């Protein structure tokens, strides 16, 4: 579906540029300790979610990591954590 939308906008099917951003979020009480961490810079105990979008704002990838993971890990294909 994303490829079709990109082609309708006169773009190539595969993006040449992707923007990645992360956000640390609190988790509910009782969340498994192995999937959470502490973001020291933002003083958040929880998880970090990363979102990669193309220049049209179409979602390329989503990743969820422990908040203690560095932002660079969100862009790594070998980063632990669920991906969509």
PDB file of N, CA and C in Angstrom:
ATOM      1  N   UNK A   1       0.825  -1.181   0.000  1.00  0.00           N
ATOM      2  CA  UNK A   1       0.000   0.000   0.000  1.00  0.00           C
ATOM      3  C   UNK A   1       0.878   1.258   0.000  1.00  0.00           C
ATOM      4  N   UNK A   2       1.966   1.247   0.822  1.00  0.00           N
ATOM      5  CA  UNK A   2       2.850   2.404   0.866  1.00  0.00           C
ATOM      6  C   UNK A   2       3.486   2.648  -0.501  1.00  0.00           C
ATOM      7  N   UNK A   3       3.907   1.575  -1.176  1.00  0.00           N
ATOM      8  CA  UNK A   3       4.517   1.708  -2.508  1.00  0.00           C
ATOM      9  C   UNK A   3       3.546   2.353  -3.492  1.00  0.00           C
ATOM     10  N   UNK A   4       2.316   1.924  -3.443  1.00  0.00           N
ATOM     11  CA  UNK A   4       1.302   2.473  -4.350  1.00  0.00           C
ATOM     12  C   UNK A   4       1.089   3.971  -4.093  1.00  0.00           C
ATOM     13  N   UNK A   5       0.998   4.344  -2.816  1.00  0.00           N
ATOM     14  CA  UNK A   5       0.825   5.754  -2.465  1.00  0.00           C
ATOM     15  C   UNK A   5       2.019   6.594  -2.926  1.00  0.00           C
ATOM     16  N   UNK A   6       3.220   6.054  -2.744  1.00  0.00           N
ATOM     17  CA  UNK A   6       4.416   6.783  -3.178  1.00  0.00           C
ATOM     18  C   UNK A   6       4.414   6.977  -4.690  1.00  0.00           C
ATOM     19  N   UNK A   7       4.039   5.947  -5.434  1.00  0.00           N
ATOM     20  CA  UNK A   7       4.007   6.052  -6.886  1.00  0.00           C
ATOM     21  C   UNK A   7       2.933   7.027  -7.362  1.00  0.00           C
ATOM     22  N   UNK A   8       1.813   7.091  -6.648  1.00  0.00           N
ATOM     23  CA  UNK A   8       0.768   8.062  -6.984  1.00  0.00           C
ATOM     24  C   UNK A   8       1.265   9.495  -6.799  1.00  0.00           C
ATOM     25  N   UNK A   9       2.183   9.690  -5.855  1.00  0.00           N
ATOM     26  CA  UNK A   9       2.753  11.019  -5.586  1.00  0.00           C
ATOM     27  C   UNK A   9       3.985  11.287  -6.455  1.00  0.00           C
ATOM     28  N   UNK A  10       4.191  10.435  -7.480  1.00  0.00           N
ATOM     29  CA  UNK A  10       5.320  10.574  -8.403  1.00  0.00           C
ATOM     30  C   UNK A  10       6.669  10.420  -7.700  1.00  0.00           C
ATOM     31  N   UNK A  11       6.721   9.526  -6.731  1.00  0.00           N
ATOM     32  CA  UNK A  11       7.956   9.188  -6.020  1.00  0.00           C
ATOM     33  C   UNK A  11       8.333   7.764  -6.373  1.00  0.00           C
ATOM     34  N   UNK A  12       9.601   7.411  -6.160  1.00  0.00           N
ATOM     35  CA  UNK A  12      10.002   6.024  -6.382  1.00  0.00           C
ATOM     36  C   UNK A  12       9.337   5.149  -5.320  1.00  0.00           C
ATOM     37  N   UNK A  13       9.171   3.875  -5.627  1.00  0.00           N
ATOM     38  CA  UNK A  13       8.476   2.964  -4.710  1.00  0.00           C
ATOM     39  C   UNK A  13       9.214   2.815  -3.385  1.00  0.00           C
ATOM     40  N   UNK A  14      10.544   2.825  -3.427  1.00  0.00           N
ATOM     41  CA  UNK A  14      11.352   2.710  -2.213  1.00  0.00           C
ATOM     42  C   UNK A  14      11.943   4.067  -1.860  1.00  0.00           C
ATOM     43  N   UNK A  15      11.803   4.503  -0.602  1.00  0.00           N
ATOM     44  CA  UNK A  15      12.312   5.819  -0.218  1.00  0.00           C
ATOM     45  C   UNK A  15      13.841   5.857  -0.202  1.00  0.00           C
ATOM     46  N   UNK A  16      14.405   6.995  -0.548  1.00  0.00           N
ATOM     47  CA  UNK A  16      15.853   7.176  -0.484  1.00  0.00           C
ATOM     48  C   UNK A  16      16.250   7.882   0.815  1.00  0.00           C
ATOM     49  N   UNK A  17      15.280   8.427   1.532  1.00  0.00           N
ATOM     50  CA  UNK A  17      15.532   9.133   2.781  1.00  0.00           C
ATOM     51  C   UNK A  17      14.478   8.718   3.812  1.00  0.00           C
ATOM     52  N   UNK A  18      14.935   8.419   5.012  1.00  0.00           N
ATOM     53  CA  UNK A  18      14.036   8.033   6.100  1.00  0.00           C
ATOM     54  C   UNK A  18      14.393   8.871   7.324  1.00  0.00           C
ATOM     55  N   UNK A  19      13.386   9.346   8.044  1.00  0.00           N
ATOM     56  CA  UNK A  19      13.591  10.108   9.271  1.00  0.00           C
ATOM     57  C   UNK A  19      13.214   9.207  10.442  1.00  0.00           C
ATOM     58  N   UNK A  20      14.114   9.118  11.432  1.00  0.00           N
ATOM     59  CA  UNK A  20      13.890   8.268  12.597  1.00  0.00           C
ATOM     60  C   UNK A  20      13.880   9.137  13.844  1.00  0.00           C
ATOM     61  N   UNK A  21      12.868   8.936  14.701  1.00  0.00           N
ATOM     62  CA  UNK A  21      12.794   9.655  15.968  1.00  0.00           C
ATOM     63  C   UNK A  21      12.350   8.679  17.045  1.00  0.00           C
ATOM     64  N   UNK A  22      12.787   8.927  18.274  1.00  0.00           N
ATOM     65  CA  UNK A  22      12.399   8.075  19.398  1.00  0.00           C
ATOM     66  C   UNK A  22      11.739   8.909  20.476  1.00  0.00           C
ATOM     67  N   UNK A  23      10.950   8.239  21.294  1.00  0.00           N
ATOM     68  CA  UNK A  23      10.265   8.876  22.409  1.00  0.00           C
ATOM     69  C   UNK A  23      10.240   7.890  23.568  1.00  0.00           C
ATOM     70  N   UNK A  24      10.646   8.345  24.756  1.00  0.00           N
ATOM     71  CA  UNK A  24      10.587   7.511  25.954  1.00  0.00           C
ATOM     72  C   UNK A  24       9.224   7.681  26.604  1.00  0.00           C
ATOM     73  N   UNK A  25       8.621   6.567  26.970  1.00  0.00           N
ATOM     74  CA  UNK A  25       7.281   6.601  27.570  1.00  0.00           C
ATOM     75  C   UNK A  25       7.258   5.745  28.832  1.00  0.00           C
ATOM     76  N   UNK A  26       6.440   6.145  29.786  1.00  0.00           N
ATOM     77  CA  UNK A  26       6.259   5.385  31.020  1.00  0.00           C
ATOM     78  C   UNK A  26       5.469   4.113  30.720  1.00  0.00           C
ATOM     79  N   UNK A  27       5.682   3.083  31.529  1.00  0.00           N
ATOM     80  CA  UNK A  27       4.929   1.836  31.381  1.00  0.00           C
ATOM     81  C   UNK A  27       4.006   1.653  32.576  1.00  0.00           C
ATOM     82  N   UNK A  28       3.040   0.808  32.408  1.00  0.00           N
ATOM     83  CA  UNK A  28       2.102   0.499  33.489  1.00  0.00           C
ATOM     84  C   UNK A  28       2.803  -0.337  34.558  1.00  0.00           C
ATOM     85  N   UNK A  29       2.291  -0.274  35.748  1.00  0.00           N
ATOM     86  CA  UNK A  29       2.824  -1.093  36.837  1.00  0.00           C
ATOM     87  C   UNK A  29       2.673  -2.565  36.467  1.00  0.00           C
ATOM     88  N   UNK A  30       3.671  -3.339  36.768  1.00  0.00           N
ATOM     89  CA  UNK A  30       3.618  -4.764  36.482  1.00  0.00           C
ATOM     90  C   UNK A  30       4.180  -5.139  35.122  1.00  0.00           C
ATOM     91  N   UNK A  31       4.720  -4.179  34.371  1.00  0.00           N
ATOM     92  CA  UNK A  31       5.329  -4.493  33.077  1.00  0.00           C
ATOM     93  C   UNK A  31       6.584  -5.313  33.328  1.00  0.00           C
ATOM     94  N   UNK A  32       6.884  -6.290  32.475  1.00  0.00           N
ATOM     95  CA  UNK A  32       8.067  -7.133  32.683  1.00  0.00           C
ATOM     96  C   UNK A  32       9.356  -6.316  32.742  1.00  0.00           C
ATOM     97  N   UNK A  33      10.189  -6.585  33.728  1.00  0.00           N
ATOM     98  CA  UNK A  33      11.428  -5.828  33.927  1.00  0.00           C
ATOM     99  C   UNK A  33      12.390  -5.986  32.760  1.00  0.00           C
ATOM    100  N   UNK A  34      12.378  -7.140  32.081  1.00  0.00           N
ATOM    101  CA  UNK A  34      13.318  -7.362  30.975  1.00  0.00           C
ATOM    102  C   UNK A  34      12.979  -6.530  29.730  1.00  0.00           C
ATOM    103  N   UNK A  35      11.786  -5.937  29.676  1.00  0.00           N
ATOM    104  CA  UNK A  35      11.407  -5.117  28.525  1.00  0.00           C
ATOM    105  C   UNK A  35      11.366  -3.631  28.850  1.00  0.00           C
ATOM    106  N   UNK A  36      11.783  -3.269  30.054  1.00  0.00           N
ATOM    107  CA  UNK A  36      11.767  -1.863  30.447  1.00  0.00           C
ATOM    108  C   UNK A  36      13.174  -1.439  30.851  1.00  0.00           C
ATOM    109  N   UNK A  37      13.367  -0.155  30.993  1.00  0.00           N
ATOM    110  CA  UNK A  37      14.654   0.381  31.413  1.00  0.00           C
ATOM    111  C   UNK A  37      14.476   1.823  31.835  1.00  0.00           C
ATOM    112  N   UNK A  38      15.590   2.477  32.178  1.00  0.00           N
ATOM    113  CA  UNK A  38      15.538   3.867  32.629  1.00  0.00           C
ATOM    114  C   UNK A  38      16.294   4.739  31.645  1.00  0.00           C
ATOM    115  N   UNK A  39      15.599   5.716  31.085  1.00  0.00           N
ATOM    116  CA  UNK A  39      16.225   6.726  30.229  1.00  0.00           C
ATOM    117  C   UNK A  39      16.784   7.777  31.172  1.00  0.00           C
ATOM    118  N   UNK A  40      18.090   7.757  31.388  1.00  0.00           N
ATOM    119  CA  UNK A  40      18.727   8.631  32.360  1.00  0.00           C
ATOM    120  C   UNK A  40      18.580  10.100  31.960  1.00  0.00           C
ATOM    121  N   UNK A  41      18.702  10.403  30.676  1.00  0.00           N
ATOM    122  CA  UNK A  41      18.628  11.788  30.219  1.00  0.00           C
ATOM    123  C   UNK A  41      17.252  12.400  30.461  1.00  0.00           C
ATOM    124  N   UNK A  42      16.204  11.610  30.298  1.00  0.00           N
ATOM    125  CA  UNK A  42      14.842  12.140  30.451  1.00  0.00           C
ATOM    126  C   UNK A  42      14.192  11.729  31.762  1.00  0.00           C
ATOM    127  N   UNK A  43      14.909  10.953  32.568  1.00  0.00           N
ATOM    128  CA  UNK A  43      14.414  10.469  33.853  1.00  0.00           C
ATOM    129  C   UNK A  43      13.075   9.751  33.716  1.00  0.00           C
ATOM    130  N   UNK A  44      13.032   8.830  32.749  1.00  0.00           N
ATOM    131  CA  UNK A  44      11.816   8.059  32.491  1.00  0.00           C
ATOM    132  C   UNK A  44      12.124   6.583  32.691  1.00  0.00           C
ATOM    133  N   UNK A  45      11.308   5.913  33.486  1.00  0.00           N
ATOM    134  CA  UNK A  45      11.395   4.468  33.651  1.00  0.00           C
ATOM    135  C   UNK A  45      10.318   3.871  32.752  1.00  0.00           C
ATOM    136  N   UNK A  46      10.722   3.139  31.748  1.00  0.00           N
ATOM    137  CA  UNK A  46       9.733   2.568  30.835  1.00  0.00           C
ATOM    138  C   UNK A  46      10.346   2.031  29.567  1.00  0.00           C
ATOM    139  N   UNK A  47       9.740   2.380  28.440  1.00  0.00           N
ATOM    140  CA  UNK A  47      10.157   1.889  27.135  1.00  0.00           C
ATOM    141  C   UNK A  47      10.422   3.063  26.206  1.00  0.00           C
ATOM    142  N   UNK A  48      11.135   2.774  25.132  1.00  0.00           N
ATOM    143  CA  UNK A  48      11.423   3.773  24.119  1.00  0.00           C
ATOM    144  C   UNK A  48      10.821   3.260  22.815  1.00  0.00           C
ATOM    145  N   UNK A  49      10.025   4.104  22.171  1.00  0.00           N
ATOM    146  CA  UNK A  49       9.455   3.695  20.887  1.00  0.00           C
ATOM    147  C   UNK A  49      10.107   4.530  19.793  1.00  0.00           C
ATOM    148  N   UNK A  50      10.416   3.865  18.709  1.00  0.00           N
ATOM    149  CA  UNK A  50      11.046   4.535  17.583  1.00  0.00           C
ATOM    150  C   UNK A  50      10.144   4.436  16.363  1.00  0.00           C
ATOM    151  N   UNK A  51      10.101   5.507  15.590  1.00  0.00           N
ATOM    152  CA  UNK A  51       9.255   5.551  14.405  1.00  0.00           C
ATOM    153  C   UNK A  51      10.091   6.074  13.250  1.00  0.00           C
ATOM    154  N   UNK A  52      10.105   5.334  12.158  1.00  0.00           N
ATOM    155  CA  UNK A  52      10.802   5.755  10.943  1.00  0.00           C
ATOM    156  C   UNK A  52       9.752   6.067   9.887  1.00  0.00           C
ATOM    157  N   UNK A  53       9.853   7.259   9.291  1.00  0.00           N
ATOM    158  CA  UNK A  53       8.906   7.672   8.252  1.00  0.00           C
ATOM    159  C   UNK A  53       9.677   8.183   7.042  1.00  0.00           C
ATOM    160  N   UNK A  54       9.038   8.145   5.876  1.00  0.00           N
ATOM    161  CA  UNK A  54       9.652   8.721   4.682  1.00  0.00           C
ATOM    162  C   UNK A  54       9.288  10.197   4.594  1.00  0.00           C
ATOM    163  N   UNK A  55       9.718  10.881   3.528  1.00  0.00           N
ATOM    164  CA  UNK A  55       9.479  12.323   3.437  1.00  0.00           C
ATOM    165  C   UNK A  55       8.010  12.672   3.238  1.00  0.00           C
ATOM    166  N   UNK A  56       7.180  11.689   2.900  1.00  0.00           N
ATOM    167  CA  UNK A  56       5.741  11.913   2.777  1.00  0.00           C
ATOM    168  C   UNK A  56       5.012  11.666   4.098  1.00  0.00           C
ATOM    169  N   UNK A  57       5.752  11.199   5.107  1.00  0.00           N
ATOM    170  CA  UNK A  57       5.144  10.915   6.404  1.00  0.00           C
ATOM    171  C   UNK A  57       4.586   9.506   6.506  1.00  0.00           C
ATOM    172  N   UNK A  58       4.862   8.668   5.517  1.00  0.00           N
ATOM    173  CA  UNK A  58       4.382   7.290   5.538  1.00  0.00           C
ATOM    174  C   UNK A  58       5.300   6.448   6.421  1.00  0.00           C
ATOM    175  N   UNK A  59       4.716   5.611   7.260  1.00  0.00           N
ATOM    176  CA  UNK A  59       5.481   4.813   8.220  1.00  0.00           C
ATOM    177  C   UNK A  59       6.281   3.739   7.491  1.00  0.00           C
ATOM    178  N   UNK A  60       7.569   3.690   7.801  1.00  0.00           N
ATOM    179  CA  UNK A  60       8.470   2.679   7.252  1.00  0.00           C
ATOM    180  C   UNK A  60       8.669   1.563   8.277  1.00  0.00           C
ATOM    181  N   UNK A  61       8.918   1.939   9.534  1.00  0.00           N
ATOM    182  CA  UNK A  61       9.174   0.946  10.578  1.00  0.00           C
ATOM    183  C   UNK A  61       8.835   1.516  11.950  1.00  0.00           C
ATOM    184  N   UNK A  62       8.502   0.604  12.864  1.00  0.00           N
ATOM    185  CA  UNK A  62       8.250   0.933  14.266  1.00  0.00           C
ATOM    186  C   UNK A  62       9.054  -0.052  15.098  1.00  0.00           C
ATOM    187  N   UNK A  63       9.716   0.446  16.134  1.00  0.00           N
ATOM    188  CA  UNK A  63      10.491  -0.424  17.016  1.00  0.00           C
ATOM    189  C   UNK A  63      10.228  -0.008  18.465  1.00  0.00           C
ATOM    190  N   UNK A  64      10.190  -0.992  19.370  1.00  0.00           N
ATOM    191  CA  UNK A  64      10.007  -0.729  20.795  1.00  0.00           C
ATOM    192  C   UNK A  64      11.187  -1.345  21.539  1.00  0.00           C
ATOM    193  N   UNK A  65      11.869  -0.512  22.340  1.00  0.00           N
ATOM    194  CA  UNK A  65      13.046  -0.939  23.096  1.00  0.00           C
ATOM    195  C   UNK A  65      12.887  -0.549  24.557  1.00  0.00           C
ATOM    196  N   UNK A  66      13.747  -1.076  25.404  1.00  0.00           N
ATOM    197  CA  UNK A  66      13.804  -0.605  26.787  1.00  0.00           C
ATOM    198  C   UNK A  66      14.262   0.846  26.758  1.00  0.00           C
ATOM    199  N   UNK A  67      13.773   1.668  27.660  1.00  0.00           N
ATOM    200  CA  UNK A  67      14.118   3.092  27.672  1.00  0.00           C
ATOM    201  C   UNK A  67      15.608   3.312  27.875  1.00  0.00           C
ATOM    202  N   UNK A  68      16.299   2.346  28.435  1.00  0.00           N
ATOM    203  CA  UNK A  68      17.738   2.479  28.664  1.00  0.00           C
ATOM    204  C   UNK A  68      18.550   2.303  27.384  1.00  0.00           C
ATOM    205  N   UNK A  69      17.943   1.829  26.315  1.00  0.00           N
ATOM    206  CA  UNK A  69      18.652   1.635  25.048  1.00  0.00           C
ATOM    207  C   UNK A  69      18.980   2.990  24.421  1.00  0.00           C
ATOM    208  N   UNK A  70      20.126   3.067  23.776  1.00  0.00           N
ATOM    209  CA  UNK A  70      20.532   4.312  23.112  1.00  0.00           C
ATOM    210  C   UNK A  70      19.706   4.511  21.852  1.00  0.00           C
ATOM    211  N   UNK A  71      19.493   5.775  21.464  1.00  0.00           N
ATOM    212  CA  UNK A  71      18.701   6.084  20.274  1.00  0.00           C
ATOM    213  C   UNK A  71      19.263   5.418  19.022  1.00  0.00           C
ATOM    214  N   UNK A  72      20.581   5.264  18.949  1.00  0.00           N
ATOM    215  CA  UNK A  72      21.191   4.618  17.785  1.00  0.00           C
ATOM    216  C   UNK A  72      20.724   3.175  17.622  1.00  0.00           C
ATOM    217  N   UNK A  73      20.384   2.518  18.733  1.00  0.00           N
ATOM    218  CA  UNK A  73      19.933   1.132  18.664  1.00  0.00           C
ATOM    219  C   UNK A  73      18.598   1.013  17.932  1.00  0.00           C
ATOM    220  N   UNK A  74      17.786   2.048  17.966  1.00  0.00           N
ATOM    221  CA  UNK A  74      16.484   2.001  17.292  1.00  0.00           C
ATOM    222  C   UNK A  74      16.647   1.911  15.785  1.00  0.00           C
ATOM    223  N   UNK A  75      17.731   2.458  15.247  1.00  0.00           N
ATOM    224  CA  UNK A  75      17.959   2.411  13.810  1.00  0.00           C
ATOM    225  C   UNK A  75      18.751   1.224  13.339  1.00  0.00           C
ATOM    226  N   UNK A  76      19.213   0.400  14.262  1.00  0.00           N
ATOM    227  CA  UNK A  76      20.016  -0.763  13.910  1.00  0.00           C
ATOM    228  C   UNK A  76      19.130  -1.953  13.593  1.00  0.00           C
ATOM    229  N   UNK A  77      19.381  -2.619  12.458  1.00  0.00           N
ATOM    230  CA  UNK A  77      18.556  -3.798  12.122  1.00  0.00           C
ATOM    231  C   UNK A  77      18.721  -4.949  13.115  1.00  0.00           C
ATOM    232  N   UNK A  78      19.818  -4.946  13.883  1.00  0.00           N
ATOM    233  CA  UNK A  78      20.031  -6.023  14.850  1.00  0.00           C
ATOM    234  C   UNK A  78      19.578  -5.647  16.253  1.00  0.00           C
ATOM    235  N   UNK A  79      18.885  -4.528  16.413  1.00  0.00           N
ATOM    236  CA  UNK A  79      18.437  -4.086  17.729  1.00  0.00           C
ATOM    237  C   UNK A  79      17.409  -5.066  18.290  1.00  0.00           C
ATOM    238  N   UNK A  80      17.529  -5.378  19.596  1.00  0.00           N
ATOM    239  CA  UNK A  80      16.534  -6.267  20.208  1.00  0.00           C
ATOM    240  C   UNK A  80      15.206  -5.541  20.357  1.00  0.00           C
ATOM    241  N   UNK A  81      14.148  -6.299  20.354  1.00  0.00           N
ATOM    242  CA  UNK A  81      12.819  -5.698  20.564  1.00  0.00           C
ATOM    243  C   UNK A  81      11.904  -5.952  19.394  1.00  0.00           C
ATOM    244  N   UNK A  82      10.608  -5.843  19.636  1.00  0.00           N
ATOM    245  CA  UNK A  82       9.632  -6.099  18.559  1.00  0.00           C
ATOM    246  C   UNK A  82       9.656  -5.020  17.497  1.00  0.00           C
ATOM    247  N   UNK A  83       9.459  -5.414  16.248  1.00  0.00           N
ATOM    248  CA  UNK A  83       9.409  -4.497  15.118  1.00  0.00           C
ATOM    249  C   UNK A  83       8.128  -4.734  14.338  1.00  0.00           C
ATOM    250  N   UNK A  84       7.674  -3.695  13.710  1.00  0.00           N
ATOM    251  CA  UNK A  84       6.490  -3.796  12.856  1.00  0.00           C
ATOM    252  C   UNK A  84       6.872  -3.403  11.452  1.00  0.00           C
TER     253      UNK A  84
END
